[in-house]
PDB file of all heavy atoms in Angstrom:
ATOM      1  N   ARG A   1     103.506 167.949 141.356  1.00  0.00           N
ATOM      2  CA  ARG A   1     102.179 167.337 141.328  1.00  0.00           C
ATOM      3  C   ARG A   1     101.645 167.512 139.948  1.00  0.00           C
ATOM      4  O   ARG A   1     100.944 166.719 139.421  1.00  0.00           O
ATOM      5  CB  ARG A   1     101.252 168.045 142.322  1.00  0.00           C
ATOM      6  CG  ARG A   1     101.431 167.787 143.826  1.00  0.00           C
ATOM      7  CD  ARG A   1     100.536 168.495 144.751  1.00  0.00           C
ATOM      8  NE  ARG A   1     100.843 168.540 146.081  1.00  0.00           N
ATOM      9  CZ  ARG A   1     100.575 169.369 146.986  1.00  0.00           C
ATOM     10  NH1 ARG A   1      99.862 170.449 146.552  1.00  0.00           N
ATOM     11  NH2 ARG A   1     100.848 169.295 148.224  1.00  0.00           N
ATOM     12  N   LEU A   2     102.044 168.566 139.238  1.00  0.00           N
ATOM     13  CA  LEU A   2     101.433 168.868 137.951  1.00  0.00           C
ATOM     14  C   LEU A   2     102.238 168.065 136.809  1.00  0.00           C
ATOM     15  O   LEU A   2     101.613 167.585 135.949  1.00  0.00           O
ATOM     16  CB  LEU A   2     101.397 170.403 137.698  1.00  0.00           C
ATOM     17  CG  LEU A   2     100.623 171.196 138.612  1.00  0.00           C
ATOM     18  CD1 LEU A   2     100.830 172.732 138.316  1.00  0.00           C
ATOM     19  CD2 LEU A   2      99.055 170.861 138.281  1.00  0.00           C
ATOM     20  N   PHE A   3     103.431 168.207 136.913  1.00  0.00           N
ATOM     21  CA  PHE A   3     104.401 167.556 135.788  1.00  0.00           C
ATOM     22  C   PHE A   3     104.794 166.198 136.233  1.00  0.00           C
ATOM     23  O   PHE A   3     104.994 165.838 137.321  1.00  0.00           O
ATOM     24  CB  PHE A   3     105.646 168.383 135.689  1.00  0.00           C
ATOM     25  CG  PHE A   3     105.458 169.675 134.867  1.00  0.00           C
ATOM     26  CD1 PHE A   3     104.961 170.709 135.456  1.00  0.00           C
ATOM     27  CD2 PHE A   3     105.850 169.736 133.572  1.00  0.00           C
ATOM     28  CE1 PHE A   3     104.797 172.039 134.694  1.00  0.00           C
ATOM     29  CE2 PHE A   3     105.614 170.948 132.837  1.00  0.00           C
ATOM     30  CZ  PHE A   3     105.085 171.987 133.462  1.00  0.00           C
ATOM     31  N   ASP A   4     104.752 165.247 135.119  1.00  0.00           N
ATOM     32  CA  ASP A   4     105.199 163.929 135.407  1.00  0.00           C
ATOM     33  C   ASP A   4     106.786 163.948 135.887  1.00  0.00           C
ATOM     34  O   ASP A   4     107.496 164.636 135.199  1.00  0.00           O
ATOM     35  CB  ASP A   4     105.027 163.126 134.136  1.00  0.00           C
ATOM     36  CG  ASP A   4     105.421 161.608 134.281  1.00  0.00           C
ATOM     37  OD1 ASP A   4     106.777 161.328 134.388  1.00  0.00           O
ATOM     38  OD2 ASP A   4     104.599 160.836 134.380  1.00  0.00           O
ATOM     39  N   ARG A   5     107.025 163.369 136.987  1.00  0.00           N
ATOM     40  CA  ARG A   5     108.408 163.398 137.508  1.00  0.00           C
ATOM     41  C   ARG A   5     109.530 162.805 136.582  1.00  0.00           C
ATOM     42  O   ARG A   5     110.559 163.205 136.593  1.00  0.00           O
ATOM     43  CB  ARG A   5     108.442 162.852 138.827  1.00  0.00           C
ATOM     44  CG  ARG A   5     107.723 163.592 139.895  1.00  0.00           C
ATOM     45  CD  ARG A   5     107.826 162.959 141.287  1.00  0.00           C
ATOM     46  NE  ARG A   5     106.993 163.823 142.294  1.00  0.00           N
ATOM     47  CZ  ARG A   5     107.178 163.516 143.642  1.00  0.00           C
ATOM     48  NH1 ARG A   5     107.890 162.408 143.991  1.00  0.00           N
ATOM     49  NH2 ARG A   5     106.495 164.189 144.534  1.00  0.00           N
ATOM     50  N   ASN A   6     109.122 161.780 135.867  1.00  0.00           N
ATOM     51  CA  ASN A   6     110.007 161.109 135.057  1.00  0.00           C
ATOM     52  C   ASN A   6     110.255 161.742 133.668  1.00  0.00           C
ATOM     53  O   ASN A   6     111.319 161.741 133.234  1.00  0.00           O
ATOM     54  CB  ASN A   6     109.532 159.657 134.852  1.00  0.00           C
ATOM     55  CG  ASN A   6     109.362 158.900 136.219  1.00  0.00           C
ATOM     56  OD1 ASN A   6     110.281 158.906 137.009  1.00  0.00           O
ATOM     57  ND2 ASN A   6     108.271 158.081 136.366  1.00  0.00           N
ATOM     58  N   THR A   7     109.188 162.374 133.146  1.00  0.00           N
ATOM     59  CA  THR A   7     109.375 162.886 131.733  1.00  0.00           C
ATOM     60  C   THR A   7     109.553 164.411 131.845  1.00  0.00           C
ATOM     61  O   THR A   7     109.960 165.005 130.903  1.00  0.00           O
ATOM     62  CB  THR A   7     108.074 162.541 130.909  1.00  0.00           C
ATOM     63  OG1 THR A   7     106.966 163.280 131.407  1.00  0.00           O
ATOM     64  CG2 THR A   7     107.827 161.143 130.824  1.00  0.00           C
ATOM     65  N   GLY A   8     109.103 164.961 132.927  1.00  0.00           N
ATOM     66  CA  GLY A   8     109.112 166.416 132.991  1.00  0.00           C
ATOM     67  C   GLY A   8     108.092 167.096 131.949  1.00  0.00           C
ATOM     68  O   GLY A   8     108.218 168.310 131.769  1.00  0.00           O
ATOM     69  N   ARG A   9     107.056 166.403 131.570  1.00  0.00           N
ATOM     70  CA  ARG A   9     106.019 166.859 130.758  1.00  0.00           C
ATOM     71  C   ARG A   9     104.610 166.876 131.366  1.00  0.00           C
ATOM     72  O   ARG A   9     104.584 166.315 132.481  1.00  0.00           O
ATOM     73  CB  ARG A   9     105.916 166.034 129.450  1.00  0.00           C
ATOM     74  CG  ARG A   9     107.267 166.169 128.723  1.00  0.00           C
ATOM     75  CD  ARG A   9     107.335 165.162 127.507  1.00  0.00           C
ATOM     76  NE  ARG A   9     108.584 165.045 126.805  1.00  0.00           N
ATOM     77  CZ  ARG A   9     108.977 164.130 126.043  1.00  0.00           C
ATOM     78  NH1 ARG A   9     108.238 163.009 125.815  1.00  0.00           N
ATOM     79  NH2 ARG A   9     110.182 164.145 125.444  1.00  0.00           N
ATOM     80  N   ILE A  10     103.725 167.447 130.724  1.00  0.00           N
ATOM     81  CA  ILE A  10     102.439 167.689 131.339  1.00  0.00           C
ATOM     82  C   ILE A  10     101.311 167.625 130.354  1.00  0.00           C
ATOM     83  O   ILE A  10     101.524 168.097 129.192  1.00  0.00           O
ATOM     84  CB  ILE A  10     102.352 169.025 132.124  1.00  0.00           C
ATOM     85  CG1 ILE A  10     101.095 169.207 132.894  1.00  0.00           C
ATOM     86  CG2 ILE A  10     102.579 170.196 131.071  1.00  0.00           C
ATOM     87  CD1 ILE A  10     101.197 170.460 133.800  1.00  0.00           C
ATOM     88  N   ILE A  11     100.095 167.082 130.752  1.00  0.00           N
ATOM     89  CA  ILE A  11      98.877 167.102 129.958  1.00  0.00           C
ATOM     90  C   ILE A  11      97.892 167.730 130.792  1.00  0.00           C
ATOM     91  O   ILE A  11      97.439 167.307 131.878  1.00  0.00           O
ATOM     92  CB  ILE A  11      98.547 165.713 129.596  1.00  0.00           C
ATOM     93  CG1 ILE A  11      99.443 164.958 128.703  1.00  0.00           C
ATOM     94  CG2 ILE A  11      97.032 165.736 128.871  1.00  0.00           C
ATOM     95  CD1 ILE A  11      99.101 163.435 128.468  1.00  0.00           C
ATOM     96  N   VAL A  12      97.301 168.971 130.254  1.00  0.00           N
ATOM     97  CA  VAL A  12      96.407 169.701 131.012  1.00  0.00           C
ATOM     98  C   VAL A  12      95.130 169.785 130.001  1.00  0.00           C
ATOM     99  O   VAL A  12      95.258 169.897 128.930  1.00  0.00           O
ATOM    100  CB  VAL A  12      96.883 171.157 131.263  1.00  0.00           C
ATOM    101  CG1 VAL A  12      95.764 171.963 132.054  1.00  0.00           C
ATOM    102  CG2 VAL A  12      98.107 171.220 132.053  1.00  0.00           C
ATOM    103  N   VAL A  13      93.971 169.642 130.758  1.00  0.00           N
ATOM    104  CA  VAL A  13      92.696 169.766 130.055  1.00  0.00           C
ATOM    105  C   VAL A  13      91.946 170.872 130.514  1.00  0.00           C
ATOM    106  O   VAL A  13      91.304 170.961 131.667  1.00  0.00           O
ATOM    107  CB  VAL A  13      91.886 168.422 130.152  1.00  0.00           C
ATOM    108  CG1 VAL A  13      90.556 168.725 129.239  1.00  0.00           C
ATOM    109  CG2 VAL A  13      92.581 167.354 129.631  1.00  0.00           C
ATOM    110  N   PRO A  14      91.851 172.056 129.970  1.00  0.00           N
ATOM    111  CA  PRO A  14      91.240 173.297 130.347  1.00  0.00           C
ATOM    112  C   PRO A  14      89.673 173.059 130.193  1.00  0.00           C
ATOM    113  O   PRO A  14      89.141 172.580 129.163  1.00  0.00           O
ATOM    114  CB  PRO A  14      91.656 174.411 129.339  1.00  0.00           C
ATOM    115  CG  PRO A  14      92.901 173.840 128.804  1.00  0.00           C
ATOM    116  CD  PRO A  14      92.756 172.373 128.681  1.00  0.00           C
ATOM    117  N   LEU A  15      89.005 173.561 131.277  1.00  0.00           N
ATOM    118  CA  LEU A  15      87.522 173.390 131.316  1.00  0.00           C
ATOM    119  C   LEU A  15      86.892 174.700 131.668  1.00  0.00           C
ATOM    120  O   LEU A  15      85.831 174.878 132.280  1.00  0.00           O
ATOM    121  CB  LEU A  15      87.225 172.374 132.354  1.00  0.00           C
ATOM    122  CG  LEU A  15      87.645 170.836 132.042  1.00  0.00           C
ATOM    123  CD1 LEU A  15      87.515 169.976 133.450  1.00  0.00           C
ATOM    124  CD2 LEU A  15      87.053 170.239 130.838  1.00  0.00           C
ATOM    125  N   ASP A  16      87.611 175.821 131.243  1.00  0.00           N
ATOM    126  CA  ASP A  16      87.184 177.181 131.635  1.00  0.00           C
ATOM    127  C   ASP A  16      86.295 177.910 130.623  1.00  0.00           C
ATOM    128  O   ASP A  16      85.939 179.040 130.628  1.00  0.00           O
ATOM    129  CB  ASP A  16      88.449 177.958 131.869  1.00  0.00           C
ATOM    130  CG  ASP A  16      89.347 178.047 130.563  1.00  0.00           C
ATOM    131  OD1 ASP A  16      89.630 177.010 129.930  1.00  0.00           O
ATOM    132  OD2 ASP A  16      89.661 179.145 130.087  1.00  0.00           O
ATOM    133  N   HIS A  17      85.832 177.050 129.630  1.00  0.00           N
ATOM    134  CA  HIS A  17      85.082 177.561 128.525  1.00  0.00           C
ATOM    135  C   HIS A  17      83.660 178.178 128.852  1.00  0.00           C
ATOM    136  O   HIS A  17      83.122 178.857 128.057  1.00  0.00           O
ATOM    137  CB  HIS A  17      84.963 176.594 127.306  1.00  0.00           C
ATOM    138  CG  HIS A  17      86.295 176.054 126.917  1.00  0.00           C
ATOM    139  ND1 HIS A  17      87.098 175.307 127.673  1.00  0.00           N
ATOM    140  CD2 HIS A  17      86.904 176.134 125.656  1.00  0.00           C
ATOM    141  CE1 HIS A  17      88.225 174.868 127.105  1.00  0.00           C
ATOM    142  NE2 HIS A  17      88.118 175.368 125.790  1.00  0.00           N
ATOM    143  N   GLY A  18      83.148 177.686 129.985  1.00  0.00           N
ATOM    144  CA  GLY A  18      81.854 178.095 130.373  1.00  0.00           C
ATOM    145  C   GLY A  18      81.716 179.661 130.477  1.00  0.00           C
ATOM    146  O   GLY A  18      80.704 180.223 130.245  1.00  0.00           O
ATOM    147  N   VAL A  19      82.730 180.391 130.993  1.00  0.00           N
ATOM    148  CA  VAL A  19      82.697 181.783 130.990  1.00  0.00           C
ATOM    149  C   VAL A  19      82.648 182.386 129.735  1.00  0.00           C
ATOM    150  O   VAL A  19      82.002 183.274 129.517  1.00  0.00           O
ATOM    151  CB  VAL A  19      83.951 182.350 131.922  1.00  0.00           C
ATOM    152  CG1 VAL A  19      84.045 183.866 131.739  1.00  0.00           C
ATOM    153  CG2 VAL A  19      83.668 181.980 133.464  1.00  0.00           C
ATOM    154  N   THR A  20      83.562 181.895 128.767  1.00  0.00           N
ATOM    155  CA  THR A  20      83.730 182.528 127.451  1.00  0.00           C
ATOM    156  C   THR A  20      82.493 182.319 126.575  1.00  0.00           C
ATOM    157  O   THR A  20      82.003 183.215 125.865  1.00  0.00           O
ATOM    158  CB  THR A  20      85.047 182.007 126.799  1.00  0.00           C
ATOM    159  OG1 THR A  20      86.090 182.069 127.680  1.00  0.00           O
ATOM    160  CG2 THR A  20      85.310 182.674 125.527  1.00  0.00           C
ATOM    161  N   VAL A  21      82.066 181.006 126.541  1.00  0.00           N
ATOM    162  CA  VAL A  21      81.074 180.619 125.449  1.00  0.00           C
ATOM    163  C   VAL A  21      79.823 179.917 126.054  1.00  0.00           C
ATOM    164  O   VAL A  21      78.966 179.515 125.362  1.00  0.00           O
ATOM    165  CB  VAL A  21      81.614 179.802 124.280  1.00  0.00           C
ATOM    166  CG1 VAL A  21      82.689 180.598 123.643  1.00  0.00           C
ATOM    167  CG2 VAL A  21      82.300 178.505 124.982  1.00  0.00           C
ATOM    168  N   GLY A  22      79.870 179.753 127.546  1.00  0.00           N
ATOM    169  CA  GLY A  22      78.696 178.955 127.947  1.00  0.00           C
ATOM    170  C   GLY A  22      78.837 177.687 128.213  1.00  0.00           C
ATOM    171  O   GLY A  22      79.890 177.037 127.893  1.00  0.00           O
ATOM    172  N   PRO A  23      77.731 176.892 128.612  1.00  0.00           N
ATOM    173  CA  PRO A  23      77.931 175.397 128.939  1.00  0.00           C
ATOM    174  C   PRO A  23      77.860 174.584 127.606  1.00  0.00           C
ATOM    175  O   PRO A  23      76.771 173.906 127.440  1.00  0.00           O
ATOM    176  CB  PRO A  23      76.600 175.282 129.762  1.00  0.00           C
ATOM    177  CG  PRO A  23      75.749 176.304 129.420  1.00  0.00           C
ATOM    178  CD  PRO A  23      76.435 177.475 129.058  1.00  0.00           C
ATOM    179  N   ILE A  24      78.886 174.694 126.911  1.00  0.00           N
ATOM    180  CA  ILE A  24      78.851 173.841 125.653  1.00  0.00           C
ATOM    181  C   ILE A  24      79.041 172.329 126.017  1.00  0.00           C
ATOM    182  O   ILE A  24      79.299 171.925 127.185  1.00  0.00           O
ATOM    183  CB  ILE A  24      79.956 174.362 124.794  1.00  0.00           C
ATOM    184  CG1 ILE A  24      81.385 174.151 125.483  1.00  0.00           C
ATOM    185  CG2 ILE A  24      79.919 175.783 124.304  1.00  0.00           C
ATOM    186  CD1 ILE A  24      82.686 174.535 124.701  1.00  0.00           C
ATOM    187  N   TYR A  25      78.829 171.609 124.919  1.00  0.00           N
ATOM    188  CA  TYR A  25      78.911 170.079 125.014  1.00  0.00           C
ATOM    189  C   TYR A  25      80.263 169.690 125.616  1.00  0.00           C
ATOM    190  O   TYR A  25      81.346 170.144 125.233  1.00  0.00           O
ATOM    191  CB  TYR A  25      78.768 169.449 123.594  1.00  0.00           C
ATOM    192  CG  TYR A  25      78.995 167.915 123.696  1.00  0.00           C
ATOM    193  CD1 TYR A  25      78.041 167.028 124.254  1.00  0.00           C
ATOM    194  CD2 TYR A  25      80.163 167.331 123.187  1.00  0.00           C
ATOM    195  CE1 TYR A  25      78.251 165.687 124.262  1.00  0.00           C
ATOM    196  CE2 TYR A  25      80.426 166.105 123.166  1.00  0.00           C
ATOM    197  CZ  TYR A  25      79.456 165.244 123.710  1.00  0.00           C
ATOM    198  OH  TYR A  25      79.723 163.880 123.758  1.00  0.00           O
ATOM    199  N   GLY A  26      80.162 168.888 126.572  1.00  0.00           N
ATOM    200  CA  GLY A  26      81.405 168.307 127.204  1.00  0.00           C
ATOM    201  C   GLY A  26      81.647 168.923 128.648  1.00  0.00           C
ATOM    202  O   GLY A  26      82.351 168.241 129.410  1.00  0.00           O
ATOM    203  N   ILE A  27      81.077 170.079 128.935  1.00  0.00           N
ATOM    204  CA  ILE A  27      81.259 170.662 130.172  1.00  0.00           C
ATOM    205  C   ILE A  27      80.008 170.978 130.910  1.00  0.00           C
ATOM    206  O   ILE A  27      80.007 171.710 131.912  1.00  0.00           O
ATOM    207  CB  ILE A  27      82.151 171.915 130.126  1.00  0.00           C
ATOM    208  CG1 ILE A  27      81.549 173.007 129.200  1.00  0.00           C
ATOM    209  CG2 ILE A  27      83.654 171.574 129.668  1.00  0.00           C
ATOM    210  CD1 ILE A  27      82.182 174.396 129.344  1.00  0.00           C
ATOM    211  N   VAL A  28      78.818 170.411 130.519  1.00  0.00           N
ATOM    212  CA  VAL A  28      77.582 170.624 131.206  1.00  0.00           C
ATOM    213  C   VAL A  28      77.672 169.793 132.487  1.00  0.00           C
ATOM    214  O   VAL A  28      77.398 170.469 133.422  1.00  0.00           O
ATOM    215  CB  VAL A  28      76.408 170.113 130.267  1.00  0.00           C
ATOM    216  CG1 VAL A  28      75.200 170.320 131.078  1.00  0.00           C
ATOM    217  CG2 VAL A  28      76.322 170.977 128.967  1.00  0.00           C
ATOM    218  N   ASP A  29      78.071 168.558 132.386  1.00  0.00           N
ATOM    219  CA  ASP A  29      78.157 167.726 133.697  1.00  0.00           C
ATOM    220  C   ASP A  29      79.635 167.650 133.757  1.00  0.00           C
ATOM    221  O   ASP A  29      80.411 166.805 133.367  1.00  0.00           O
ATOM    222  CB  ASP A  29      77.572 166.378 133.521  1.00  0.00           C
ATOM    223  CG  ASP A  29      77.698 165.485 134.704  1.00  0.00           C
ATOM    224  OD1 ASP A  29      78.353 165.912 135.569  1.00  0.00           O
ATOM    225  OD2 ASP A  29      77.005 164.455 134.882  1.00  0.00           O
ATOM    226  N   LEU A  30      80.150 168.642 134.705  1.00  0.00           N
ATOM    227  CA  LEU A  30      81.587 168.825 134.849  1.00  0.00           C
ATOM    228  C   LEU A  30      82.251 167.594 135.649  1.00  0.00           C
ATOM    229  O   LEU A  30      83.353 167.173 135.335  1.00  0.00           O
ATOM    230  CB  LEU A  30      81.962 170.097 135.483  1.00  0.00           C
ATOM    231  CG  LEU A  30      83.356 170.614 135.142  1.00  0.00           C
ATOM    232  CD1 LEU A  30      83.547 170.820 133.558  1.00  0.00           C
ATOM    233  CD2 LEU A  30      83.708 171.911 135.848  1.00  0.00           C
ATOM    234  N   ARG A  31      81.412 167.129 136.524  1.00  0.00           N
ATOM    235  CA  ARG A  31      81.930 165.950 137.342  1.00  0.00           C
ATOM    236  C   ARG A  31      82.237 164.685 136.455  1.00  0.00           C
ATOM    237  O   ARG A  31      83.251 164.050 136.650  1.00  0.00           O
ATOM    238  CB  ARG A  31      80.981 165.588 138.539  1.00  0.00           C
ATOM    239  CG  ARG A  31      81.497 164.708 139.590  1.00  0.00           C
ATOM    240  CD  ARG A  31      80.566 164.456 140.744  1.00  0.00           C
ATOM    241  NE  ARG A  31      80.785 165.592 141.525  1.00  0.00           N
ATOM    242  CZ  ARG A  31      79.892 166.535 141.840  1.00  0.00           C
ATOM    243  NH1 ARG A  31      78.744 166.525 141.191  1.00  0.00           N
ATOM    244  NH2 ARG A  31      80.198 167.559 142.710  1.00  0.00           N
ATOM    245  N   ASP A  32      81.277 164.433 135.507  1.00  0.00           N
ATOM    246  CA  ASP A  32      81.531 163.299 134.732  1.00  0.00           C
ATOM    247  C   ASP A  32      82.764 163.507 133.802  1.00  0.00           C
ATOM    248  O   ASP A  32      83.463 162.518 133.609  1.00  0.00           O
ATOM    249  CB  ASP A  32      80.198 163.020 133.935  1.00  0.00           C
ATOM    250  CG  ASP A  32      80.421 161.911 132.986  1.00  0.00           C
ATOM    251  OD1 ASP A  32      80.527 160.789 133.381  1.00  0.00           O
ATOM    252  OD2 ASP A  32      80.233 162.147 131.789  1.00  0.00           O
ATOM    253  N   THR A  33      82.819 164.811 133.250  1.00  0.00           N
ATOM    254  CA  THR A  33      83.935 164.994 132.419  1.00  0.00           C
ATOM    255  C   THR A  33      85.252 164.828 133.137  1.00  0.00           C
ATOM    256  O   THR A  33      86.310 164.297 132.573  1.00  0.00           O
ATOM    257  CB  THR A  33      83.787 166.393 131.761  1.00  0.00           C
ATOM    258  OG1 THR A  33      82.594 166.512 131.132  1.00  0.00           O
ATOM    259  CG2 THR A  33      84.943 166.932 130.929  1.00  0.00           C
ATOM    260  N   VAL A  34      85.365 165.378 134.391  1.00  0.00           N
ATOM    261  CA  VAL A  34      86.590 165.351 135.124  1.00  0.00           C
ATOM    262  C   VAL A  34      86.886 163.813 135.396  1.00  0.00           C
ATOM    263  O   VAL A  34      88.071 163.332 135.368  1.00  0.00           O
ATOM    264  CB  VAL A  34      86.550 166.090 136.417  1.00  0.00           C
ATOM    265  CG1 VAL A  34      87.739 165.832 137.300  1.00  0.00           C
ATOM    266  CG2 VAL A  34      86.503 167.598 136.160  1.00  0.00           C
ATOM    267  N   ASN A  35      85.842 162.988 135.746  1.00  0.00           N
ATOM    268  CA  ASN A  35      86.048 161.545 135.881  1.00  0.00           C
ATOM    269  C   ASN A  35      86.733 160.899 134.671  1.00  0.00           C
ATOM    270  O   ASN A  35      87.781 160.141 134.757  1.00  0.00           O
ATOM    271  CB  ASN A  35      84.644 160.758 136.098  1.00  0.00           C
ATOM    272  CG  ASN A  35      84.498 160.645 137.555  1.00  0.00           C
ATOM    273  OD1 ASN A  35      85.393 160.398 138.357  1.00  0.00           O
ATOM    274  ND2 ASN A  35      83.236 160.707 138.007  1.00  0.00           N
ATOM    275  N   GLN A  36      86.206 161.240 133.493  1.00  0.00           N
ATOM    276  CA  GLN A  36      86.809 160.741 132.281  1.00  0.00           C
ATOM    277  C   GLN A  36      88.244 161.159 132.132  1.00  0.00           C
ATOM    278  O   GLN A  36      89.120 160.398 131.595  1.00  0.00           O
ATOM    279  CB  GLN A  36      85.980 161.041 131.076  1.00  0.00           C
ATOM    280  CG  GLN A  36      84.578 160.535 130.990  1.00  0.00           C
ATOM    281  CD  GLN A  36      83.756 160.970 129.816  1.00  0.00           C
ATOM    282  OE1 GLN A  36      84.069 160.696 128.672  1.00  0.00           O
ATOM    283  NE2 GLN A  36      82.730 161.695 130.081  1.00  0.00           N
ATOM    284  N   ILE A  37      88.464 162.484 132.371  1.00  0.00           N
ATOM    285  CA  ILE A  37      89.881 162.973 132.191  1.00  0.00           C
ATOM    286  C   ILE A  37      90.772 162.357 133.067  1.00  0.00           C
ATOM    287  O   ILE A  37      91.941 162.007 132.781  1.00  0.00           O
ATOM    288  CB  ILE A  37      89.726 164.486 132.411  1.00  0.00           C
ATOM    289  CG1 ILE A  37      89.018 165.245 131.292  1.00  0.00           C
ATOM    290  CG2 ILE A  37      91.144 165.136 132.533  1.00  0.00           C
ATOM    291  CD1 ILE A  37      88.654 166.607 131.561  1.00  0.00           C
ATOM    292  N   ALA A  38      90.367 162.123 134.328  1.00  0.00           N
ATOM    293  CA  ALA A  38      91.215 161.516 135.416  1.00  0.00           C
ATOM    294  C   ALA A  38      91.573 160.026 135.021  1.00  0.00           C
ATOM    295  O   ALA A  38      92.675 159.636 135.126  1.00  0.00           O
ATOM    296  CB  ALA A  38      90.640 161.585 136.791  1.00  0.00           C
ATOM    297  N   GLU A  39      90.538 159.386 134.604  1.00  0.00           N
ATOM    298  CA  GLU A  39      90.596 157.934 134.152  1.00  0.00           C
ATOM    299  C   GLU A  39      91.608 157.883 132.916  1.00  0.00           C
ATOM    300  O   GLU A  39      92.346 156.833 132.772  1.00  0.00           O
ATOM    301  CB  GLU A  39      89.322 157.253 133.767  1.00  0.00           C
ATOM    302  CG  GLU A  39      88.478 156.958 135.007  1.00  0.00           C
ATOM    303  CD  GLU A  39      89.142 156.088 135.940  1.00  0.00           C
ATOM    304  OE1 GLU A  39      89.764 155.017 135.518  1.00  0.00           O
ATOM    305  OE2 GLU A  39      89.150 156.246 137.124  1.00  0.00           O
ATOM    306  N   GLY A  40      91.635 158.861 132.118  1.00  0.00           N
ATOM    307  CA  GLY A  40      92.505 158.798 130.931  1.00  0.00           C
ATOM    308  C   GLY A  40      93.975 159.184 131.346  1.00  0.00           C
ATOM    309  O   GLY A  40      94.886 158.998 130.515  1.00  0.00           O
ATOM    310  N   GLY A  41      94.222 159.781 132.522  1.00  0.00           N
ATOM    311  CA  GLY A  41      95.543 159.887 133.001  1.00  0.00           C
ATOM    312  C   GLY A  41      96.043 161.283 132.777  1.00  0.00           C
ATOM    313  O   GLY A  41      97.345 161.563 132.767  1.00  0.00           O
ATOM    314  N   ALA A  42      95.199 162.132 132.586  1.00  0.00           N
ATOM    315  CA  ALA A  42      95.722 163.655 132.478  1.00  0.00           C
ATOM    316  C   ALA A  42      96.432 164.069 133.741  1.00  0.00           C
ATOM    317  O   ALA A  42      96.138 163.632 134.854  1.00  0.00           O
ATOM    318  CB  ALA A  42      94.544 164.600 132.085  1.00  0.00           C
ATOM    319  N   ASN A  43      97.471 165.049 133.540  1.00  0.00           N
ATOM    320  CA  ASN A  43      98.081 165.580 134.828  1.00  0.00           C
ATOM    321  C   ASN A  43      97.208 166.544 135.625  1.00  0.00           C
ATOM    322  O   ASN A  43      97.349 166.662 136.722  1.00  0.00           O
ATOM    323  CB  ASN A  43      99.348 166.055 134.410  1.00  0.00           C
ATOM    324  CG  ASN A  43     100.382 164.970 133.826  1.00  0.00           C
ATOM    325  OD1 ASN A  43     100.465 164.969 132.585  1.00  0.00           O
ATOM    326  ND2 ASN A  43     100.904 164.215 134.618  1.00  0.00           N
ATOM    327  N   ALA A  44      96.383 167.308 134.870  1.00  0.00           N
ATOM    328  CA  ALA A  44      95.633 168.415 135.547  1.00  0.00           C
ATOM    329  C   ALA A  44      94.412 168.735 134.735  1.00  0.00           C
ATOM    330  O   ALA A  44      94.491 168.732 133.501  1.00  0.00           O
ATOM    331  CB  ALA A  44      96.646 169.577 135.745  1.00  0.00           C
TER     332      ALA A  44
END
């Protein structure tokens, strides 16, 4: 589910920065960001 079955490669976008540095630009509205990431075709 995580790796592309044909290439054996993966694109992950970490969104865990809120714990480390707070709600920085890009992760304030996480649902919108995940929408954009999914539309772009990230694996996870």
